[in-house]
C-alpha cells in the first residue's frame, strides 16, 4: 500500500465504530472513484482541482 493510500485508509478506519473489513476498503475505493467522476476532465485527462472542492464534497456528504 502506498503512503497516500495508507493515510486515507488509516483515517477512514479511525472514524469507524466497528472493525474494518475488505468490503469497507472496496467501498471507500469506489467512493473515491466517484469523487473523481464529479470533476470535469479535459482531453488530456487532467482536471483543475483544489482542496476546497474536496472539502465541499465532504461537507455535503456529512449533511446527507
N, C-alpha and C. Protein backbone atom coordinates (compact mmCIF):
# COMPACT_ATOMS: atom_id res chain seq x y z
N UNK A 1 0.86 -1.17 0.00
CA UNK A 1 0.00 0.00 0.00
C UNK A 1 0.91 1.24 0.00
N UNK A 2 0.58 2.19 -0.84
CA UNK A 2 1.38 3.41 -0.88
C UNK A 2 1.10 4.26 0.35
N UNK A 3 1.96 5.22 0.59
CA UNK A 3 1.80 6.11 1.75
C UNK A 3 0.46 6.83 1.70
N UNK A 4 0.10 7.39 0.52
CA UNK A 4 -1.16 8.13 0.42
C UNK A 4 -2.35 7.23 0.69
N UNK A 5 -2.35 6.06 0.09
CA UNK A 5 -3.47 5.13 0.29
C UNK A 5 -3.54 4.70 1.75
N UNK A 6 -2.39 4.47 2.36
CA UNK A 6 -2.36 4.07 3.76
C UNK A 6 -2.91 5.16 4.66
N UNK A 7 -2.56 6.42 4.37
CA UNK A 7 -3.06 7.53 5.17
C UNK A 7 -4.59 7.64 5.06
N UNK A 8 -5.12 7.50 3.87
CA UNK A 8 -6.57 7.56 3.67
C UNK A 8 -7.24 6.41 4.41
N UNK A 9 -6.71 5.20 4.28
CA UNK A 9 -7.29 4.03 4.92
C UNK A 9 -7.24 4.16 6.44
N UNK A 10 -6.12 4.62 6.98
CA UNK A 10 -6.00 4.78 8.42
C UNK A 10 -6.97 5.85 8.95
N UNK A 11 -7.14 6.93 8.20
CA UNK A 11 -8.09 7.96 8.60
C UNK A 11 -9.51 7.40 8.58
N UNK A 12 -9.84 6.68 7.54
CA UNK A 12 -11.16 6.05 7.43
C UNK A 12 -11.40 5.10 8.61
N UNK A 13 -10.44 4.24 8.89
CA UNK A 13 -10.58 3.28 9.98
C UNK A 13 -10.74 3.99 11.32
N UNK A 14 -10.07 5.14 11.48
CA UNK A 14 -10.15 5.89 12.72
C UNK A 14 -11.54 6.45 13.00
N UNK A 15 -12.36 6.56 11.98
CA UNK A 15 -13.73 7.08 12.14
C UNK A 15 -14.76 5.98 12.35
N UNK A 16 -14.35 4.73 12.22
CA UNK A 16 -15.29 3.61 12.34
C UNK A 16 -15.55 3.24 13.79
N UNK A 17 -16.75 2.71 14.04
CA UNK A 17 -17.06 2.20 15.38
C UNK A 17 -17.08 0.68 15.39
N UNK A 18 -16.82 0.06 14.23
CA UNK A 18 -16.72 -1.39 14.10
C UNK A 18 -15.39 -1.71 13.43
N UNK A 19 -15.01 -2.96 13.47
CA UNK A 19 -13.77 -3.38 12.84
C UNK A 19 -13.88 -3.22 11.31
N UNK A 20 -12.84 -2.68 10.68
CA UNK A 20 -12.88 -2.52 9.22
C UNK A 20 -12.80 -3.87 8.51
N UNK A 21 -13.42 -3.93 7.34
CA UNK A 21 -13.41 -5.15 6.53
C UNK A 21 -12.89 -4.83 5.13
N UNK A 22 -12.59 -5.87 4.38
CA UNK A 22 -12.18 -5.67 3.00
C UNK A 22 -13.30 -5.04 2.19
N UNK A 23 -14.56 -5.36 2.52
CA UNK A 23 -15.69 -4.74 1.83
C UNK A 23 -15.69 -3.23 2.04
N UNK A 24 -15.36 -2.80 3.23
CA UNK A 24 -15.29 -1.37 3.51
C UNK A 24 -14.19 -0.71 2.70
N UNK A 25 -13.06 -1.39 2.57
CA UNK A 25 -11.96 -0.84 1.79
C UNK A 25 -12.37 -0.70 0.32
N UNK A 26 -13.08 -1.70 -0.19
CA UNK A 26 -13.57 -1.63 -1.58
C UNK A 26 -14.60 -0.52 -1.73
N UNK A 27 -15.46 -0.33 -0.75
CA UNK A 27 -16.46 0.73 -0.80
C UNK A 27 -15.79 2.10 -0.76
N UNK A 28 -14.77 2.25 0.04
CA UNK A 28 -14.03 3.51 0.11
C UNK A 28 -13.38 3.80 -1.23
N UNK A 29 -12.77 2.80 -1.85
CA UNK A 29 -12.14 2.99 -3.15
C UNK A 29 -13.17 3.39 -4.20
N UNK A 30 -14.35 2.76 -4.16
CA UNK A 30 -15.41 3.11 -5.11
C UNK A 30 -15.87 4.55 -4.89
N UNK A 31 -15.97 4.97 -3.64
CA UNK A 31 -16.38 6.34 -3.34
C UNK A 31 -15.35 7.35 -3.85
N UNK A 32 -14.08 7.03 -3.71
CA UNK A 32 -13.04 7.93 -4.20
C UNK A 32 -13.11 8.03 -5.72
N UNK A 33 -13.37 6.92 -6.38
CA UNK A 33 -13.52 6.95 -7.84
C UNK A 33 -14.72 7.80 -8.25
N UNK A 34 -15.80 7.73 -7.48
CA UNK A 34 -16.99 8.54 -7.78
C UNK A 34 -16.68 10.02 -7.59
N UNK A 35 -15.87 10.35 -6.60
CA UNK A 35 -15.46 11.74 -6.41
C UNK A 35 -14.72 12.22 -7.66
N UNK A 36 -13.83 11.39 -8.19
CA UNK A 36 -13.11 11.77 -9.42
C UNK A 36 -14.09 12.03 -10.56
N UNK A 37 -15.19 11.28 -10.61
CA UNK A 37 -16.19 11.47 -11.66
C UNK A 37 -16.96 12.77 -11.51
N UNK A 38 -16.90 13.41 -10.35
CA UNK A 38 -17.60 14.66 -10.11
C UNK A 38 -16.94 15.84 -10.82
N UNK A 39 -15.72 15.67 -11.26
CA UNK A 39 -14.97 16.77 -11.86
C UNK A 39 -14.97 16.67 -13.38
N UNK A 40 -14.81 17.81 -14.02
CA UNK A 40 -14.71 17.84 -15.48
C UNK A 40 -13.26 17.64 -15.87
N UNK A 41 -13.05 16.74 -16.81
CA UNK A 41 -11.70 16.39 -17.24
C UNK A 41 -11.48 16.91 -18.66
N UNK A 42 -10.28 17.41 -18.95
CA UNK A 42 -10.00 17.86 -20.30
C UNK A 42 -9.53 16.70 -21.17
N UNK A 43 -9.21 16.98 -22.41
CA UNK A 43 -8.83 15.92 -23.36
C UNK A 43 -7.52 15.24 -22.98
N UNK A 44 -6.76 15.83 -22.08
CA UNK A 44 -5.51 15.23 -21.63
C UNK A 44 -5.69 14.40 -20.37
N UNK A 45 -6.93 14.30 -19.89
CA UNK A 45 -7.19 13.55 -18.68
C UNK A 45 -6.84 14.32 -17.42
N UNK A 46 -6.84 15.64 -17.51
CA UNK A 46 -6.50 16.48 -16.37
C UNK A 46 -7.72 17.25 -15.91
N UNK A 47 -7.80 17.48 -14.63
CA UNK A 47 -8.88 18.29 -14.06
C UNK A 47 -8.25 19.34 -13.16
N UNK A 48 -8.87 20.51 -13.14
CA UNK A 48 -8.39 21.56 -12.25
C UNK A 48 -9.10 21.38 -10.91
N UNK A 49 -8.34 21.03 -9.89
CA UNK A 49 -8.90 20.74 -8.58
C UNK A 49 -8.20 21.56 -7.51
N UNK A 50 -8.91 21.80 -6.43
CA UNK A 50 -8.29 22.40 -5.26
C UNK A 50 -8.89 21.74 -4.01
N UNK A 51 -8.24 21.95 -2.90
CA UNK A 51 -8.69 21.32 -1.66
C UNK A 51 -10.13 21.70 -1.32
N UNK A 52 -10.52 22.93 -1.65
CA UNK A 52 -11.88 23.37 -1.37
C UNK A 52 -12.92 22.49 -2.06
N UNK A 53 -12.60 22.01 -3.27
CA UNK A 53 -13.52 21.13 -3.98
C UNK A 53 -13.80 19.86 -3.17
N UNK A 54 -12.75 19.28 -2.61
CA UNK A 54 -12.91 18.06 -1.83
C UNK A 54 -13.61 18.33 -0.50
N UNK A 55 -13.29 19.45 0.13
CA UNK A 55 -13.95 19.81 1.38
C UNK A 55 -15.44 20.06 1.16
N UNK A 56 -15.79 20.66 0.03
CA UNK A 56 -17.20 20.90 -0.28
C UNK A 56 -17.95 19.58 -0.42
N UNK A 57 -17.36 18.62 -1.10
CA UNK A 57 -17.99 17.31 -1.23
C UNK A 57 -18.13 16.64 0.13
N UNK A 58 -17.09 16.72 0.96
CA UNK A 58 -17.14 16.12 2.29
C UNK A 58 -18.23 16.76 3.14
N UNK A 59 -18.34 18.07 3.08
CA UNK A 59 -19.39 18.77 3.84
C UNK A 59 -20.77 18.37 3.36
N UNK A 60 -20.95 18.26 2.05
CA UNK A 60 -22.24 17.85 1.51
C UNK A 60 -22.57 16.41 1.93
N UNK A 61 -21.57 15.56 1.94
CA UNK A 61 -21.77 14.17 2.35
C UNK A 61 -22.20 14.08 3.81
N UNK A 62 -21.53 14.85 4.67
CA UNK A 62 -21.89 14.84 6.08
C UNK A 62 -23.30 15.37 6.31
N UNK A 63 -23.76 16.25 5.44
CA UNK A 63 -25.09 16.85 5.58
C UNK A 63 -26.22 15.93 5.10
N UNK A 64 -25.88 14.85 4.42
CA UNK A 64 -26.93 13.93 3.93
C UNK A 64 -27.74 13.34 5.06
